[in-house]
């Protein structure tokens, strides 16, 4: 998605849209903001939990049982524009202690 550098957006809420067939395996999400643009190839690499893009700002977290989160009108995470994050990274962490096979997750 290519967006003009001057366009400014704000993240005003967070909600898990879970895949019912894999809910039992999703342990938690972590959303981080970065001041640099992350490369697509690295962003899609499933081994990126310990990424090499430097330390981003932890913006949000989600774990099972957490409800949707809406921010007050005066609060939100700036995205793009002059002062916003250049990239947002969503990490999905899984837990499959019984080693069940054949599941593909599309939560986010």
N, C-alpha and C. Protein backbone atom coordinates (compact mmCIF):
# COMPACT_ATOMS: atom_id res chain seq x y z
N UNK A 1 0.85 -1.18 0.00
CA UNK A 1 0.00 0.00 0.00
C UNK A 1 0.89 1.23 0.00
N UNK A 2 0.79 2.03 -1.00
CA UNK A 2 1.59 3.25 -1.09
C UNK A 2 0.72 4.42 -0.68
N UNK A 3 1.19 5.17 0.31
CA UNK A 3 0.45 6.31 0.84
C UNK A 3 1.35 7.52 0.77
N UNK A 4 0.78 8.64 0.42
CA UNK A 4 1.55 9.89 0.38
C UNK A 4 2.24 10.12 1.72
N UNK A 5 3.48 10.62 1.68
CA UNK A 5 4.22 10.90 2.91
C UNK A 5 3.52 11.91 3.80
N UNK A 6 2.73 12.79 3.21
CA UNK A 6 2.09 13.84 4.01
C UNK A 6 0.79 13.36 4.66
N UNK A 7 0.27 12.20 4.21
CA UNK A 7 -0.98 11.68 4.79
C UNK A 7 -0.75 11.28 6.24
N UNK A 8 -1.67 11.62 7.11
CA UNK A 8 -1.53 11.28 8.52
C UNK A 8 -2.75 10.51 8.98
N UNK A 9 -2.51 9.44 9.70
CA UNK A 9 -3.56 8.59 10.23
C UNK A 9 -3.29 8.35 11.70
N UNK A 10 -4.29 7.89 12.42
CA UNK A 10 -4.12 7.51 13.82
C UNK A 10 -4.79 6.17 14.05
N UNK A 11 -4.11 5.32 14.79
CA UNK A 11 -4.71 4.06 15.22
C UNK A 11 -5.57 4.41 16.43
N UNK A 12 -6.88 4.17 16.33
CA UNK A 12 -7.80 4.60 17.37
C UNK A 12 -8.45 3.43 18.12
N UNK A 13 -8.09 2.23 17.74
CA UNK A 13 -8.65 1.07 18.43
C UNK A 13 -7.96 -0.20 17.98
N UNK A 14 -8.13 -1.24 18.78
CA UNK A 14 -7.53 -2.54 18.50
C UNK A 14 -8.56 -3.61 18.80
N UNK A 15 -8.70 -4.54 17.87
CA UNK A 15 -9.63 -5.65 18.08
C UNK A 15 -9.07 -6.89 17.40
N UNK A 16 -9.10 -8.01 18.09
CA UNK A 16 -8.69 -9.28 17.51
C UNK A 16 -9.79 -9.80 16.60
N UNK A 17 -9.41 -10.16 15.39
CA UNK A 17 -10.34 -10.83 14.48
C UNK A 17 -9.79 -12.23 14.32
N UNK A 18 -10.22 -13.12 15.20
CA UNK A 18 -9.63 -14.44 15.29
C UNK A 18 -10.20 -15.43 14.31
N UNK A 19 -9.40 -16.41 13.99
CA UNK A 19 -9.79 -17.52 13.14
C UNK A 19 -10.30 -18.61 14.08
N UNK A 20 -11.62 -18.89 14.09
CA UNK A 20 -12.18 -19.85 15.06
C UNK A 20 -11.52 -21.24 15.01
N UNK A 21 -10.99 -21.62 13.84
CA UNK A 21 -10.40 -22.97 13.75
C UNK A 21 -9.02 -23.06 14.40
N UNK A 22 -8.42 -21.90 14.75
CA UNK A 22 -7.08 -21.94 15.35
C UNK A 22 -6.99 -21.12 16.64
N UNK A 23 -8.11 -20.71 17.19
CA UNK A 23 -8.12 -19.89 18.40
C UNK A 23 -7.31 -20.51 19.53
N UNK A 24 -7.37 -21.81 19.66
CA UNK A 24 -6.67 -22.47 20.77
C UNK A 24 -5.15 -22.35 20.68
N UNK A 25 -4.62 -21.99 19.50
CA UNK A 25 -3.17 -21.92 19.31
C UNK A 25 -2.60 -20.50 19.42
N UNK A 26 -3.46 -19.49 19.31
CA UNK A 26 -2.96 -18.11 19.35
C UNK A 26 -2.75 -17.72 20.81
N UNK A 27 -1.51 -17.49 21.17
CA UNK A 27 -1.16 -17.16 22.54
C UNK A 27 -1.31 -15.67 22.81
N UNK A 28 -0.76 -14.83 21.91
CA UNK A 28 -0.91 -13.39 22.06
C UNK A 28 -0.41 -12.67 20.81
N UNK A 29 -0.76 -11.40 20.69
CA UNK A 29 -0.27 -10.51 19.64
C UNK A 29 0.55 -9.41 20.28
N UNK A 30 1.53 -8.91 19.55
CA UNK A 30 2.28 -7.72 19.94
C UNK A 30 2.30 -6.78 18.74
N UNK A 31 1.93 -5.52 18.94
CA UNK A 31 1.96 -4.52 17.88
C UNK A 31 3.01 -3.48 18.25
N UNK A 32 3.95 -3.24 17.34
CA UNK A 32 5.03 -2.29 17.56
C UNK A 32 5.05 -1.25 16.45
N UNK A 33 5.49 -0.04 16.79
CA UNK A 33 5.64 1.03 15.82
C UNK A 33 7.11 1.34 15.60
N UNK A 34 7.50 1.60 14.35
CA UNK A 34 8.88 1.88 13.99
C UNK A 34 8.96 3.20 13.23
N UNK A 35 10.06 3.90 13.43
CA UNK A 35 10.27 5.17 12.75
C UNK A 35 10.90 4.98 11.37
N UNK A 36 11.20 3.74 10.99
CA UNK A 36 11.74 3.44 9.66
C UNK A 36 10.78 2.51 8.94
N UNK A 37 10.94 2.40 7.64
CA UNK A 37 10.09 1.53 6.83
C UNK A 37 10.66 0.11 6.89
N UNK A 38 9.84 -0.86 7.28
CA UNK A 38 10.27 -2.26 7.32
C UNK A 38 10.13 -2.85 5.93
N UNK A 39 11.08 -3.66 5.54
CA UNK A 39 11.03 -4.31 4.23
C UNK A 39 9.98 -5.40 4.25
N UNK A 40 9.25 -5.57 3.16
CA UNK A 40 8.19 -6.58 3.07
C UNK A 40 8.72 -7.98 3.34
N UNK A 41 9.87 -8.33 2.76
CA UNK A 41 10.40 -9.68 2.92
C UNK A 41 10.62 -10.01 4.38
N UNK A 42 11.25 -9.11 5.12
CA UNK A 42 11.50 -9.35 6.54
C UNK A 42 10.22 -9.34 7.35
N UNK A 43 9.28 -8.48 6.97
CA UNK A 43 8.04 -8.36 7.71
C UNK A 43 7.20 -9.63 7.61
N UNK A 44 7.41 -10.41 6.56
CA UNK A 44 6.60 -11.62 6.38
C UNK A 44 7.31 -12.87 6.86
N UNK A 45 8.53 -12.73 7.33
CA UNK A 45 9.32 -13.87 7.78
C UNK A 45 8.82 -14.32 9.15
N UNK A 46 8.42 -15.57 9.26
CA UNK A 46 7.85 -16.06 10.51
C UNK A 46 8.87 -16.13 11.64
N UNK A 47 10.15 -16.01 11.34
CA UNK A 47 11.18 -16.07 12.37
C UNK A 47 11.54 -14.67 12.88
N UNK A 48 10.72 -13.68 12.63
CA UNK A 48 11.07 -12.31 12.95
C UNK A 48 10.74 -11.88 14.37
N UNK A 49 10.45 -12.79 15.26
CA UNK A 49 10.15 -12.40 16.63
C UNK A 49 11.29 -11.60 17.24
N UNK A 50 12.51 -11.96 16.90
CA UNK A 50 13.67 -11.18 17.33
C UNK A 50 14.21 -10.44 16.11
N UNK A 51 13.47 -9.46 15.65
CA UNK A 51 13.78 -8.75 14.41
C UNK A 51 15.08 -7.95 14.51
N UNK A 52 15.63 -7.62 13.35
CA UNK A 52 16.87 -6.85 13.28
C UNK A 52 16.60 -5.40 12.91
N UNK A 53 15.42 -4.91 13.09
CA UNK A 53 15.07 -3.55 12.70
C UNK A 53 15.26 -2.57 13.84
N UNK A 54 15.91 -2.96 14.89
CA UNK A 54 16.03 -2.10 16.05
C UNK A 54 14.82 -2.29 16.94
N UNK A 55 14.80 -1.55 18.01
CA UNK A 55 13.71 -1.68 18.97
C UNK A 55 12.60 -0.72 18.58
N UNK A 56 11.43 -1.25 18.37
CA UNK A 56 10.28 -0.41 18.09
C UNK A 56 9.58 -0.05 19.39
N UNK A 57 8.63 0.85 19.29
CA UNK A 57 7.82 1.20 20.46
C UNK A 57 6.69 0.20 20.58
N UNK A 58 6.54 -0.39 21.75
CA UNK A 58 5.44 -1.30 22.00
C UNK A 58 4.16 -0.46 22.06
N UNK A 59 3.23 -0.73 21.16
CA UNK A 59 1.99 0.04 21.11
C UNK A 59 0.83 -0.67 21.79
N UNK A 60 0.65 -1.93 21.48
CA UNK A 60 -0.51 -2.67 21.99
C UNK A 60 -0.13 -4.13 22.17
N UNK A 61 -0.87 -4.78 22.99
CA UNK A 61 -0.76 -6.22 23.14
C UNK A 61 -2.16 -6.79 23.24
N UNK A 62 -2.29 -8.04 22.92
CA UNK A 62 -3.59 -8.72 23.02
C UNK A 62 -3.33 -10.15 23.48
N UNK A 63 -4.21 -10.65 24.32
CA UNK A 63 -4.17 -12.05 24.73
C UNK A 63 -5.62 -12.54 24.80
N UNK A 64 -5.83 -13.86 24.71
CA UNK A 64 -7.19 -14.39 24.75
C UNK A 64 -7.98 -13.86 25.95
N UNK A 65 -9.22 -13.51 25.70
CA UNK A 65 -10.09 -12.98 26.74
C UNK A 65 -10.16 -11.47 26.76
N UNK A 66 -9.21 -10.81 26.10
CA UNK A 66 -9.20 -9.35 26.07
C UNK A 66 -10.23 -8.85 25.06
N UNK A 67 -11.01 -7.86 25.46
CA UNK A 67 -12.03 -7.28 24.60
C UNK A 67 -11.42 -6.24 23.67
N UNK A 68 -12.19 -5.78 22.70
CA UNK A 68 -11.74 -4.72 21.80
C UNK A 68 -11.40 -3.48 22.62
N UNK A 69 -10.44 -2.72 22.14
CA UNK A 69 -9.97 -1.54 22.83
C UNK A 69 -10.18 -0.31 21.94
N UNK A 70 -10.85 0.71 22.46
CA UNK A 70 -11.03 1.97 21.75
C UNK A 70 -10.38 3.07 22.58
N UNK A 71 -9.64 3.93 21.91
CA UNK A 71 -8.96 5.02 22.60
C UNK A 71 -9.85 6.24 22.68
N UNK A 72 -9.66 7.08 23.70
CA UNK A 72 -10.41 8.34 23.78
C UNK A 72 -10.03 9.22 22.58
N UNK A 73 -10.88 10.17 22.22
CA UNK A 73 -10.61 11.02 21.05
C UNK A 73 -9.27 11.75 21.08
N UNK A 74 -8.72 12.02 22.25
CA UNK A 74 -7.45 12.75 22.32
C UNK A 74 -6.24 11.83 22.31
N UNK A 75 -6.46 10.53 22.26
CA UNK A 75 -5.34 9.58 22.30
C UNK A 75 -5.42 8.64 21.11
N UNK A 76 -4.31 8.29 20.59
CA UNK A 76 -4.22 7.35 19.48
C UNK A 76 -2.76 7.30 19.07
N UNK A 77 -2.39 6.31 18.30
CA UNK A 77 -1.01 6.19 17.84
C UNK A 77 -0.90 6.80 16.46
N UNK A 78 -0.09 7.87 16.31
CA UNK A 78 0.05 8.50 15.00
C UNK A 78 0.77 7.57 14.03
N UNK A 79 0.28 7.53 12.82
CA UNK A 79 0.85 6.69 11.76
C UNK A 79 1.06 7.56 10.54
N UNK A 80 2.28 7.58 10.05
CA UNK A 80 2.69 8.39 8.90
C UNK A 80 2.64 9.87 9.23
N UNK A 81 2.52 10.72 8.24
CA UNK A 81 2.55 12.15 8.47
C UNK A 81 3.92 12.60 8.97
N UNK A 82 4.01 13.79 9.51
CA UNK A 82 5.30 14.35 9.96
C UNK A 82 5.80 13.72 11.25
N UNK A 83 4.91 13.27 12.12
CA UNK A 83 5.33 12.78 13.44
C UNK A 83 4.98 11.32 13.70
N UNK A 84 4.36 10.65 12.76
CA UNK A 84 3.87 9.29 13.00
C UNK A 84 4.90 8.21 12.70
N UNK A 85 4.56 6.99 13.07
CA UNK A 85 5.39 5.83 12.78
C UNK A 85 5.40 5.57 11.28
N UNK A 86 6.53 5.11 10.77
CA UNK A 86 6.67 4.78 9.35
C UNK A 86 6.21 3.36 9.07
N UNK A 87 6.26 2.49 10.07
CA UNK A 87 5.88 1.08 9.91
C UNK A 87 5.23 0.58 11.19
N UNK A 88 4.30 -0.33 11.01
CA UNK A 88 3.65 -1.02 12.13
C UNK A 88 3.90 -2.51 11.92
N UNK A 89 4.32 -3.19 12.97
CA UNK A 89 4.56 -4.63 12.88
C UNK A 89 3.63 -5.35 13.84
N UNK A 90 2.94 -6.36 13.32
CA UNK A 90 2.09 -7.23 14.13
C UNK A 90 2.76 -8.58 14.23
N UNK A 91 3.12 -8.98 15.45
CA UNK A 91 3.67 -10.32 15.69
C UNK A 91 2.58 -11.17 16.32
N UNK A 92 2.39 -12.35 15.79
CA UNK A 92 1.45 -13.31 16.35
C UNK A 92 2.27 -14.44 16.96
N UNK A 93 2.07 -14.68 18.24
CA UNK A 93 2.81 -15.74 18.93
C UNK A 93 1.85 -16.89 19.20
N UNK A 94 2.29 -18.08 18.86
CA UNK A 94 1.46 -19.28 18.95
C UNK A 94 1.96 -20.20 20.06
N UNK A 95 1.07 -21.07 20.51
CA UNK A 95 1.40 -22.09 21.49
C UNK A 95 0.66 -23.35 21.10
N UNK A 96 1.38 -24.40 20.81
CA UNK A 96 0.78 -25.66 20.39
C UNK A 96 1.45 -26.80 21.17
N UNK A 97 1.18 -26.87 22.48
CA UNK A 97 1.88 -27.86 23.33
C UNK A 97 1.56 -29.31 22.98
N UNK A 98 0.43 -29.57 22.32
CA UNK A 98 0.09 -30.94 21.95
C UNK A 98 0.57 -31.30 20.55
N UNK A 99 1.25 -30.35 19.88
CA UNK A 99 1.83 -30.56 18.55
C UNK A 99 0.79 -31.02 17.53
N UNK A 100 -0.38 -30.41 17.57
CA UNK A 100 -1.41 -30.71 16.58
C UNK A 100 -0.95 -30.21 15.21
N UNK A 101 -1.30 -30.97 14.15
CA UNK A 101 -0.85 -30.66 12.80
C UNK A 101 -2.02 -30.24 11.92
N UNK A 102 -1.68 -29.62 10.79
CA UNK A 102 -2.67 -29.34 9.76
C UNK A 102 -3.48 -28.08 9.95
N UNK A 103 -3.05 -27.17 10.80
CA UNK A 103 -3.78 -25.93 11.04
C UNK A 103 -3.01 -24.76 10.43
N UNK A 104 -3.74 -23.87 9.77
CA UNK A 104 -3.16 -22.63 9.22
C UNK A 104 -3.97 -21.48 9.81
N UNK A 105 -3.30 -20.52 10.40
CA UNK A 105 -3.98 -19.42 11.09
C UNK A 105 -4.05 -18.19 10.19
N UNK A 106 -5.17 -17.48 10.28
CA UNK A 106 -5.32 -16.20 9.55
C UNK A 106 -5.85 -15.12 10.49
N UNK A 107 -5.54 -15.25 11.77
CA UNK A 107 -5.97 -14.22 12.74
C UNK A 107 -5.21 -12.93 12.47
N UNK A 108 -5.73 -11.85 13.02
CA UNK A 108 -5.01 -10.59 12.88
C UNK A 108 -5.78 -9.45 13.46
